[in-house]
Amino acid sequence: MRTTKTLAEDAPSAVYQCRLALSTKTLTLVADLLRGHLKAIGSRWRKLPPGKIALIVLAVLRLADMAGGNNVSASTIRRWLLEVIDLLAARAPRLDRVLKQIAKAGGQVVLLDGTLVRTRRRTRQANRKNYNGNHKVHGLLFLALTDEHGNLIWISSAKPGRSSEITTARHNKITAWLRRFNLGALADLGFVGLEDDHDNPVIVTGFKASKNNPLTKAQKQANRLLNRERAAVEHGIGDLKNWRILTRLRLNARHATALLRALLVLTRLEVAR
């Protein structure tokens, strides 16, 4: 399929050999980032102009085969992909800055959740630490924050799949940053026990039943109300996972972190609730 939108391309007569369900704004951002990077490093020549490279990279993130249709090798596509991912990941927002923006805008609460991004099996010891016993799959754990409307605002660095959400939240000092900006967070039962100051809580979770202590009607009603309020975070994570490259990862934690943060930047650009 062809499209002749050329705002991000250097040559006005260029024809893209694919069609993407992405806005021209996203394509233009990636092309401008790459164009500025090439100028900064003094690169005088690439086989394709930055606009078309940007389109190819975005198509690869959507799992389209772009190498053969553009007469370039698969290794060249991978090199371009890593280059653009690093440029986009550098624009990912920091936790303290996004919380400061939420507080400055008058926000009072954010939505917190963890998500497991599935990966292929690794070899030897890496295989064991990436195995998540709860989901019975291999993967990497990320924490995500959204605003109350479900717009993604931050994503953590990757942790092995066997890590717990609470441990990851403590590693990122979520509660300390929330207290600093006088914000609260709604979270699911996976974060029960994260709150360390019960006199001044900032993490609101539901009630968890036990074998000898079933939930009362009031507790069940409270859980339903909380789940209704925090449902938006599931939509935000779903927007991120719409990038189909996440369905077949075989990356270590460092490279997966860069990829997820790059996709966060693109997701924030594409989705605004």
C-alpha atoms as a PDB file:
ATOM      1  CA  MET A   1       0.000   0.000   0.000  1.00  0.00           C
ATOM      2  CA  ARG A   2       1.114   3.543  -0.651  1.00  0.00           C
ATOM      3  CA  THR A   3       0.680   6.875   0.977  1.00  0.00           C
ATOM      4  CA  THR A   4       2.015  10.165  -0.325  1.00  0.00           C
ATOM      5  CA  LYS A   5       2.030  12.228   2.865  1.00  0.00           C
ATOM      6  CA  THR A   6       5.488  13.751   2.738  1.00  0.00           C
ATOM      7  CA  LEU A   7       5.709  16.216   5.635  1.00  0.00           C
ATOM      8  CA  ALA A   8       8.475  14.187   7.270  1.00  0.00           C
ATOM      9  CA  GLU A   9      10.339  13.380   4.068  1.00  0.00           C
ATOM     10  CA  ASP A  10      13.142  15.291   2.427  1.00  0.00           C
ATOM     11  CA  ALA A  11      11.992  14.734  -1.135  1.00  0.00           C
ATOM     12  CA  PRO A  12       8.471  15.970  -1.959  1.00  0.00           C
ATOM     13  CA  SER A  13       8.026  13.292  -4.615  1.00  0.00           C
ATOM     14  CA  ALA A  14       8.888  10.363  -2.329  1.00  0.00           C
ATOM     15  CA  VAL A  15       6.450   7.454  -2.074  1.00  0.00           C
ATOM     16  CA  TYR A  16       6.363   5.321   1.089  1.00  0.00           C
ATOM     17  CA  GLN A  17       6.063   1.596   0.511  1.00  0.00           C
ATOM     18  CA  CYS A  18       3.693   0.971   3.418  1.00  0.00           C
ATOM     19  CA  ARG A  19       0.788   2.440   5.335  1.00  0.00           C
ATOM     20  CA  LEU A  20       0.832   2.933   9.098  1.00  0.00           C
ATOM     21  CA  ALA A  21      -1.930   3.661  11.565  1.00  0.00           C
ATOM     22  CA  LEU A  22       0.113   6.535  12.961  1.00  0.00           C
ATOM     23  CA  SER A  23      -0.272  10.273  12.757  1.00  0.00           C
ATOM     24  CA  THR A  24       1.907  12.486  10.599  1.00  0.00           C
ATOM     25  CA  LYS A  25       2.931  14.238  13.811  1.00  0.00           C
ATOM     26  CA  THR A  26       4.584  11.067  15.110  1.00  0.00           C
ATOM     27  CA  LEU A  27       6.396  10.463  11.836  1.00  0.00           C
ATOM     28  CA  THR A  28       7.586  14.063  11.737  1.00  0.00           C
ATOM     29  CA  LEU A  29       8.894  13.916  15.316  1.00  0.00           C
ATOM     30  CA  VAL A  30      10.969  10.794  14.674  1.00  0.00           C
ATOM     31  CA  ALA A  31      12.289  12.171  11.372  1.00  0.00           C
ATOM     32  CA  ASP A  32      13.281  15.481  12.983  1.00  0.00           C
ATOM     33  CA  LEU A  33      15.031  13.686  15.850  1.00  0.00           C
ATOM     34  CA  LEU A  34      17.005  11.560  13.417  1.00  0.00           C
ATOM     35  CA  ARG A  35      17.789  14.519  11.172  1.00  0.00           C
ATOM     36  CA  GLY A  36      19.152  16.502  14.123  1.00  0.00           C
ATOM     37  CA  HIS A  37      21.162  13.509  15.327  1.00  0.00           C
ATOM     38  CA  LEU A  38      22.777  12.984  11.920  1.00  0.00           C
ATOM     39  CA  LYS A  39      23.694  16.656  11.785  1.00  0.00           C
ATOM     40  CA  ALA A  40      25.167  16.531  15.307  1.00  0.00           C
ATOM     41  CA  ILE A  41      27.399  13.537  14.553  1.00  0.00           C
ATOM     42  CA  GLY A  42      28.384  14.924  11.155  1.00  0.00           C
ATOM     43  CA  SER A  43      26.975  12.026   9.149  1.00  0.00           C
ATOM     44  CA  ARG A  44      27.040  13.122   5.517  1.00  0.00           C
ATOM     45  CA  TRP A  45      25.272  10.175   3.913  1.00  0.00           C
ATOM     46  CA  ARG A  46      22.693   7.462   4.585  1.00  0.00           C
ATOM     47  CA  LYS A  47      21.258   5.132   2.004  1.00  0.00           C
ATOM     48  CA  LEU A  48      17.802   6.636   2.588  1.00  0.00           C
ATOM     49  CA  PRO A  49      16.800  10.121   3.788  1.00  0.00           C
ATOM     50  CA  PRO A  50      15.796  10.616   7.450  1.00  0.00           C
ATOM     51  CA  GLY A  51      12.071  10.814   6.713  1.00  0.00           C
ATOM     52  CA  LYS A  52      11.978   7.414   5.077  1.00  0.00           C
ATOM     53  CA  ILE A  53      14.266   5.907   7.717  1.00  0.00           C
ATOM     54  CA  ALA A  54      11.799   7.149  10.348  1.00  0.00           C
ATOM     55  CA  LEU A  55       8.918   5.517   8.489  1.00  0.00           C
ATOM     56  CA  ILE A  56      10.779   2.218   8.215  1.00  0.00           C
ATOM     57  CA  VAL A  57      11.646   2.212  11.923  1.00  0.00           C
ATOM     58  CA  LEU A  58       8.032   2.902  12.918  1.00  0.00           C
ATOM     59  CA  ALA A  59       6.874   0.158  10.587  1.00  0.00           C
ATOM     60  CA  VAL A  60       9.341  -2.291  12.162  1.00  0.00           C
ATOM     61  CA  LEU A  61       7.948  -1.388  15.580  1.00  0.00           C
ATOM     62  CA  ARG A  62       4.552  -2.394  14.179  1.00  0.00           C
ATOM     63  CA  LEU A  63       6.114  -5.657  12.902  1.00  0.00           C
ATOM     64  CA  ALA A  64       5.994  -4.869   9.199  1.00  0.00           C
ATOM     65  CA  ASP A  65       8.713  -6.314   6.929  1.00  0.00           C
ATOM     66  CA  MET A  66      10.389  -3.249   5.464  1.00  0.00           C
ATOM     67  CA  ALA A  67      13.819  -4.435   4.404  1.00  0.00           C
ATOM     68  CA  GLY A  68      13.082  -6.056   1.055  1.00  0.00           C
ATOM     69  CA  GLY A  69      10.598  -3.425  -0.095  1.00  0.00           C
ATOM     70  CA  ASN A  70      13.175  -0.668   0.314  1.00  0.00           C
ATOM     71  CA  ASN A  71      16.225  -2.494  -1.050  1.00  0.00           C
ATOM     72  CA  VAL A  72      18.161  -2.437   2.212  1.00  0.00           C
ATOM     73  CA  SER A  73      19.488  -5.272   4.343  1.00  0.00           C
ATOM     74  CA  ALA A  74      17.956  -6.516   7.575  1.00  0.00           C
ATOM     75  CA  SER A  75      21.126  -5.527   9.465  1.00  0.00           C
ATOM     76  CA  THR A  76      20.764  -1.950   8.221  1.00  0.00           C
ATOM     77  CA  ILE A  77      17.159  -1.887   9.443  1.00  0.00           C
ATOM     78  CA  ARG A  78      18.286  -3.123  12.867  1.00  0.00           C
ATOM     79  CA  ARG A  79      20.972  -0.449  13.061  1.00  0.00           C
ATOM     80  CA  TRP A  80      18.489   2.289  12.192  1.00  0.00           C
ATOM     81  CA  LEU A  81      16.031   0.848  14.691  1.00  0.00           C
ATOM     82  CA  LEU A  82      18.506   0.950  17.577  1.00  0.00           C
ATOM     83  CA  GLU A  83      19.566   4.464  16.633  1.00  0.00           C
ATOM     84  CA  VAL A  84      16.018   5.831  16.667  1.00  0.00           C
ATOM     85  CA  ILE A  85      15.130   3.937  19.853  1.00  0.00           C
ATOM     86  CA  ASP A  86      18.031   5.605  21.691  1.00  0.00           C
ATOM     87  CA  LEU A  87      16.966   9.034  20.432  1.00  0.00           C
ATOM     88  CA  LEU A  88      13.374   8.533  21.527  1.00  0.00           C
ATOM     89  CA  ALA A  89      14.273   6.947  24.881  1.00  0.00           C
ATOM     90  CA  ALA A  90      16.330  10.014  25.752  1.00  0.00           C
ATOM     91  CA  ARG A  91      13.099  12.036  25.581  1.00  0.00           C
ATOM     92  CA  ALA A  92      11.224   9.812  28.040  1.00  0.00           C
ATOM     93  CA  PRO A  93      10.046  11.792  31.084  1.00  0.00           C
ATOM     94  CA  ARG A  94      11.649  11.315  34.489  1.00  0.00           C
ATOM     95  CA  LEU A  95       9.543  10.324  37.485  1.00  0.00           C
ATOM     96  CA  ASP A  96      10.181  13.480  39.508  1.00  0.00           C
ATOM     97  CA  ARG A  97       9.398  15.767  36.581  1.00  0.00           C
ATOM     98  CA  VAL A  98       6.098  14.145  35.616  1.00  0.00           C
ATOM     99  CA  LEU A  99       4.903  14.138  39.223  1.00  0.00           C
ATOM    100  CA  LYS A 100       5.847  17.780  39.531  1.00  0.00           C
ATOM    101  CA  GLN A 101       3.841  18.554  36.387  1.00  0.00           C
ATOM    102  CA  ILE A 102       0.809  16.666  37.723  1.00  0.00           C
ATOM    103  CA  ALA A 103       0.946  18.546  41.030  1.00  0.00           C
ATOM    104  CA  LYS A 104       1.467  21.894  39.310  1.00  0.00           C
ATOM    105  CA  ALA A 105      -1.573  21.277  37.112  1.00  0.00           C
ATOM    106  CA  GLY A 106      -3.705  20.696  40.207  1.00  0.00           C
ATOM    107  CA  GLY A 107      -3.792  16.915  40.042  1.00  0.00           C
ATOM    108  CA  GLN A 108      -4.179  14.946  43.241  1.00  0.00           C
ATOM    109  CA  VAL A 109      -3.839  11.324  42.240  1.00  0.00           C
ATOM    110  CA  VAL A 110      -2.035   9.083  39.751  1.00  0.00           C
ATOM    111  CA  LEU A 111      -2.676   5.466  38.807  1.00  0.00           C
ATOM    112  CA  LEU A 112       0.000   2.854  39.463  1.00  0.00           C
ATOM    113  CA  ASP A 113       0.238  -0.622  37.972  1.00  0.00           C
ATOM    114  CA  GLY A 114       2.766  -3.227  36.984  1.00  0.00           C
ATOM    115  CA  THR A 115       2.895  -5.102  33.699  1.00  0.00           C
ATOM    116  CA  LEU A 116       4.828  -8.108  32.493  1.00  0.00           C
ATOM    117  CA  VAL A 117       6.198  -7.839  28.965  1.00  0.00           C
ATOM    118  CA  ARG A 118       6.664 -11.358  27.687  1.00  0.00           C
ATOM    119  CA  THR A 119      10.021 -12.383  26.270  1.00  0.00           C
ATOM    120  CA  ARG A 120      11.400 -15.444  24.634  1.00  0.00           C
ATOM    121  CA  ARG A 121      13.258 -17.905  26.796  1.00  0.00           C
ATOM    122  CA  ARG A 122      16.830 -16.944  27.569  1.00  0.00           C
ATOM    123  CA  THR A 123      19.702 -19.351  28.103  1.00  0.00           C
ATOM    124  CA  ARG A 124      21.133 -20.658  31.363  1.00  0.00           C
ATOM    125  CA  GLN A 125      20.778 -18.403  34.408  1.00  0.00           C
ATOM    126  CA  ALA A 126      19.066 -15.590  32.506  1.00  0.00           C
ATOM    127  CA  ASN A 127      16.247 -18.012  31.743  1.00  0.00           C
ATOM    128  CA  ARG A 128      15.482 -18.651  35.409  1.00  0.00           C
ATOM    129  CA  LYS A 129      15.410 -15.061  36.654  1.00  0.00           C
ATOM    130  CA  ASN A 130      13.069 -13.969  33.856  1.00  0.00           C
ATOM    131  CA  TYR A 131      10.492 -16.644  34.674  1.00  0.00           C
ATOM    132  CA  ASN A 132       7.367 -15.307  36.368  1.00  0.00           C
ATOM    133  CA  GLY A 133       5.756 -17.993  38.494  1.00  0.00           C
ATOM    134  CA  ASN A 134       2.448 -16.156  38.755  1.00  0.00           C
ATOM    135  CA  HIS A 135       1.860 -15.883  34.999  1.00  0.00           C
ATOM    136  CA  LYS A 136       3.877 -19.019  34.161  1.00  0.00           C
ATOM    137  CA  VAL A 137       5.761 -17.209  31.385  1.00  0.00           C
ATOM    138  CA  HIS A 138       9.127 -15.557  30.826  1.00  0.00           C
ATOM    139  CA  GLY A 139       9.202 -11.797  30.785  1.00  0.00           C
ATOM    140  CA  LEU A 140      10.376  -8.478  32.173  1.00  0.00           C
ATOM    141  CA  LEU A 141       8.497  -6.462  34.771  1.00  0.00           C
ATOM    142  CA  PHE A 142       7.763  -2.760  34.348  1.00  0.00           C
ATOM    143  CA  LEU A 143       5.884  -0.294  36.527  1.00  0.00           C
ATOM    144  CA  ALA A 144       3.716   2.287  34.805  1.00  0.00           C
ATOM    145  CA  LEU A 145       2.118   5.500  36.013  1.00  0.00           C
ATOM    146  CA  THR A 146      -0.800   7.215  34.305  1.00  0.00           C
ATOM    147  CA  ASP A 147      -2.803  10.283  35.134  1.00  0.00           C
ATOM    148  CA  GLU A 148      -6.415   9.863  36.254  1.00  0.00           C
ATOM    149  CA  HIS A 149      -7.545   9.754  32.608  1.00  0.00           C
ATOM    150  CA  GLY A 150      -5.234   6.867  31.696  1.00  0.00           C
ATOM    151  CA  ASN A 151      -2.566   8.837  29.816  1.00  0.00           C
ATOM    152  CA  LEU A 152       0.834   7.225  30.339  1.00  0.00           C
ATOM    153  CA  ILE A 153       3.239   9.575  32.090  1.00  0.00           C
ATOM    154  CA  TRP A 154       6.130   7.345  33.227  1.00  0.00           C
ATOM    155  CA  ILE A 155       7.515   3.834  32.960  1.00  0.00           C
ATOM    156  CA  SER A 156      10.184   2.258  35.121  1.00  0.00           C
ATOM    157  CA  SER A 157      13.325   0.458  34.078  1.00  0.00           C
ATOM    158  CA  ALA A 158      12.950  -3.260  33.412  1.00  0.00           C
ATOM    159  CA  LYS A 159      13.295  -5.818  36.155  1.00  0.00           C
ATOM    160  CA  PRO A 160      13.529  -9.611  35.745  1.00  0.00           C
ATOM    161  CA  GLY A 161      10.168 -11.334  35.544  1.00  0.00           C
ATOM    162  CA  ARG A 162      10.579 -12.995  38.936  1.00  0.00           C
ATOM    163  CA  SER A 163      10.708  -9.579  40.656  1.00  0.00           C
ATOM    164  CA  SER A 164       7.683  -8.430  42.635  1.00  0.00           C
ATOM    165  CA  GLU A 165       5.803  -5.211  42.007  1.00  0.00           C
ATOM    166  CA  ILE A 166       6.377  -4.044  45.582  1.00  0.00           C
ATOM    167  CA  THR A 167      10.148  -4.559  45.379  1.00  0.00           C
ATOM    168  CA  THR A 168      10.280  -2.706  42.069  1.00  0.00           C
ATOM    169  CA  ALA A 169       8.210   0.169  43.500  1.00  0.00           C
ATOM    170  CA  ARG A 170      10.508   0.428  46.504  1.00  0.00           C
ATOM    171  CA  HIS A 171      13.549   0.408  44.240  1.00  0.00           C
ATOM    172  CA  ASN A 172      12.107   3.394  42.363  1.00  0.00           C
ATOM    173  CA  LYS A 173      11.103   5.141  45.656  1.00  0.00           C
ATOM    174  CA  ILE A 174       7.537   5.652  44.451  1.00  0.00           C
ATOM    175  CA  THR A 175       6.100   6.524  47.874  1.00  0.00           C
ATOM    176  CA  ALA A 176       8.839   9.050  48.643  1.00  0.00           C
ATOM    177  CA  TRP A 177       8.303  10.901  45.360  1.00  0.00           C
ATOM    178  CA  LEU A 178       4.534  10.933  45.844  1.00  0.00           C
ATOM    179  CA  ARG A 179       4.900  12.432  49.319  1.00  0.00           C
ATOM    180  CA  ARG A 180       7.308  15.051  48.037  1.00  0.00           C
ATOM    181  CA  PHE A 181       4.683  16.379  45.628  1.00  0.00           C
ATOM    182  CA  ASN A 182       1.647  15.741  47.877  1.00  0.00           C
ATOM    183  CA  LEU A 183       0.125  13.211  45.494  1.00  0.00           C
ATOM    184  CA  GLY A 184      -1.640   9.913  46.036  1.00  0.00           C
ATOM    185  CA  ALA A 185      -1.707   6.751  43.931  1.00  0.00           C
ATOM    186  CA  LEU A 186      -4.390   4.146  43.305  1.00  0.00           C
ATOM    187  CA  ALA A 187      -3.002   0.624  42.914  1.00  0.00           C
ATOM    188  CA  ASP A 188      -4.195  -2.969  42.764  1.00  0.00           C
ATOM    189  CA  LEU A 189      -3.770  -5.744  45.319  1.00  0.00           C
ATOM    190  CA  GLY A 190      -0.261  -6.452  44.060  1.00  0.00           C
ATOM    191  CA  PHE A 191       0.897  -3.368  45.962  1.00  0.00           C
ATOM    192  CA  VAL A 192      -0.648  -4.263  49.331  1.00  0.00           C
ATOM    193  CA  GLY A 193       2.113  -3.727  51.901  1.00  0.00           C
ATOM    194  CA  LEU A 194       3.955  -1.067  49.921  1.00  0.00           C
ATOM    195  CA  GLU A 195       2.671   1.744  52.140  1.00  0.00           C
ATOM    196  CA  ASP A 196       5.084   2.264  55.057  1.00  0.00           C
ATOM    197  CA  ASP A 197       3.287   5.122  56.800  1.00  0.00           C
ATOM    198  CA  HIS A 198      -0.238   4.112  57.749  1.00  0.00           C
ATOM    199  CA  ASP A 199      -0.899   7.430  59.494  1.00  0.00           C
ATOM    200  CA  ASN A 200      -0.283   9.343  56.253  1.00  0.00           C
ATOM    201  CA  PRO A 201      -0.858   6.893  53.380  1.00  0.00           C
ATOM    202  CA  VAL A 202      -0.218   7.853  49.763  1.00  0.00           C
ATOM    203  CA  ILE A 203      -0.788   4.408  48.196  1.00  0.00           C
ATOM    204  CA  VAL A 204      -4.437   3.338  48.167  1.00  0.00           C
ATOM    205  CA  THR A 205      -5.059  -0.358  47.528  1.00  0.00           C
ATOM    206  CA  GLY A 206      -8.038  -2.622  47.946  1.00  0.00           C
ATOM    207  CA  PHE A 207      -8.735  -5.183  50.639  1.00  0.00           C
ATOM    208  CA  LYS A 208      -7.245  -8.632  50.270  1.00  0.00           C
ATOM    209  CA  ALA A 209      -9.142 -11.651  51.546  1.00  0.00           C
ATOM    210  CA  SER A 210      -7.479 -14.514  53.363  1.00  0.00           C
ATOM    211  CA  LYS A 211      -8.557 -18.054  54.134  1.00  0.00           C
ATOM    212  CA  ASN A 212      -9.793 -17.212  57.614  1.00  0.00           C
ATOM    213  CA  ASN A 213     -10.845 -13.625  56.936  1.00  0.00           C
ATOM    214  CA  PRO A 214     -13.253 -13.276  54.008  1.00  0.00           C
ATOM    215  CA  LEU A 215     -14.144  -9.814  52.794  1.00  0.00           C
ATOM    216  CA  THR A 216     -17.167  -8.053  54.193  1.00  0.00           C
ATOM    217  CA  LYS A 217     -19.781  -6.471  51.936  1.00  0.00           C
ATOM    218  CA  ALA A 218     -18.350  -3.029  52.662  1.00  0.00           C
ATOM    219  CA  GLN A 219     -14.846  -4.166  51.709  1.00  0.00           C
ATOM    220  CA  LYS A 220     -16.097  -5.733  48.495  1.00  0.00           C
ATOM    221  CA  GLN A 221     -17.908  -2.525  47.621  1.00  0.00           C
ATOM    222  CA  ALA A 222     -14.732  -0.528  48.341  1.00  0.00           C
ATOM    223  CA  ASN A 223     -12.762  -2.838  46.045  1.00  0.00           C
ATOM    224  CA  ARG A 224     -15.293  -2.362  43.250  1.00  0.00           C
ATOM    225  CA  LEU A 225     -15.141   1.408  43.576  1.00  0.00           C
ATOM    226  CA  LEU A 226     -11.344   1.373  43.552  1.00  0.00           C
ATOM    227  CA  ASN A 227     -11.219  -0.920  40.501  1.00  0.00           C
ATOM    228  CA  ARG A 228     -13.591   1.381  38.664  1.00  0.00           C
ATOM    229  CA  GLU A 229     -11.388   4.394  39.360  1.00  0.00           C
ATOM    230  CA  ARG A 230      -8.166   2.675  38.385  1.00  0.00           C
ATOM    231  CA  ALA A 231      -9.475   0.966  35.251  1.00  0.00           C
ATOM    232  CA  ALA A 232      -7.969   3.769  33.159  1.00  0.00           C
ATOM    233  CA  VAL A 233      -4.427   2.582  33.916  1.00  0.00           C
ATOM    234  CA  GLU A 234      -5.210  -0.703  32.150  1.00  0.00           C
ATOM    235  CA  HIS A 235      -6.166   1.248  29.033  1.00  0.00           C
ATOM    236  CA  GLY A 236      -2.919   3.222  29.241  1.00  0.00           C
ATOM    237  CA  ILE A 237      -0.837   0.054  29.408  1.00  0.00           C
ATOM    238  CA  GLY A 238      -2.915  -1.398  26.585  1.00  0.00           C
ATOM    239  CA  ASP A 239      -2.002   1.593  24.426  1.00  0.00           C
ATOM    240  CA  LEU A 240       1.660   0.859  25.056  1.00  0.00           C
ATOM    241  CA  LYS A 241       1.295  -2.819  24.219  1.00  0.00           C
ATOM    242  CA  ASN A 242      -0.360  -1.990  20.904  1.00  0.00           C
ATOM    243  CA  TRP A 243       3.192  -1.773  19.557  1.00  0.00           C
ATOM    244  CA  ARG A 244       3.446  -5.323  18.309  1.00  0.00           C
ATOM    245  CA  ILE A 245       7.203  -5.474  18.583  1.00  0.00           C
ATOM    246  CA  LEU A 246       6.544  -6.209  22.271  1.00  0.00           C
ATOM    247  CA  THR A 247       5.049  -9.596  21.346  1.00  0.00           C
ATOM    248  CA  ARG A 248       8.367 -11.182  20.400  1.00  0.00           C
ATOM    249  CA  LEU A 249      11.094  -9.610  22.510  1.00  0.00           C
ATOM    250  CA  ARG A 250      14.400 -11.287  23.104  1.00  0.00           C
ATOM    251  CA  LEU A 251      16.249  -8.521  24.884  1.00  0.00           C
ATOM    252  CA  ASN A 252      18.099  -8.028  28.124  1.00  0.00           C
ATOM    253  CA  ALA A 253      16.763  -5.579  30.694  1.00  0.00           C
ATOM    254  CA  ARG A 254      18.855  -2.609  29.533  1.00  0.00           C
ATOM    255  CA  HIS A 255      17.791  -2.774  25.901  1.00  0.00           C
ATOM    256  CA  ALA A 256      14.186  -3.545  26.817  1.00  0.00           C
ATOM    257  CA  THR A 257      14.116  -0.448  29.029  1.00  0.00           C
ATOM    258  CA  ALA A 258      15.264   1.742  26.138  1.00  0.00           C
ATOM    259  CA  LEU A 259      12.654   0.186  23.839  1.00  0.00           C
ATOM    260  CA  LEU A 260       9.754   0.651  26.298  1.00  0.00           C
ATOM    261  CA  ARG A 261      10.730   4.247  26.989  1.00  0.00           C
ATOM    262  CA  ALA A 262      10.928   4.974  23.279  1.00  0.00           C
ATOM    263  CA  LEU A 263       7.462   3.477  22.821  1.00  0.00           C
ATOM    264  CA  LEU A 264       6.251   5.547  25.777  1.00  0.00           C
ATOM    265  CA  VAL A 265       7.257   8.723  23.945  1.00  0.00           C
ATOM    266  CA  LEU A 266       5.436   7.596  20.798  1.00  0.00           C
ATOM    267  CA  THR A 267       2.377   6.473  22.759  1.00  0.00           C
ATOM    268  CA  ARG A 268       2.104   9.816  24.545  1.00  0.00           C
ATOM    269  CA  LEU A 269       2.288  11.507  21.164  1.00  0.00           C
ATOM    270  CA  GLU A 270      -0.403   9.301  19.630  1.00  0.00           C
ATOM    271  CA  VAL A 271      -2.855   9.074  22.536  1.00  0.00           C
ATOM    272  CA  ALA A 272      -4.289  11.959  24.487  1.00  0.00           C
ATOM    273  CA  ARG A 273      -7.442  11.438  26.561  1.00  0.00           C
END
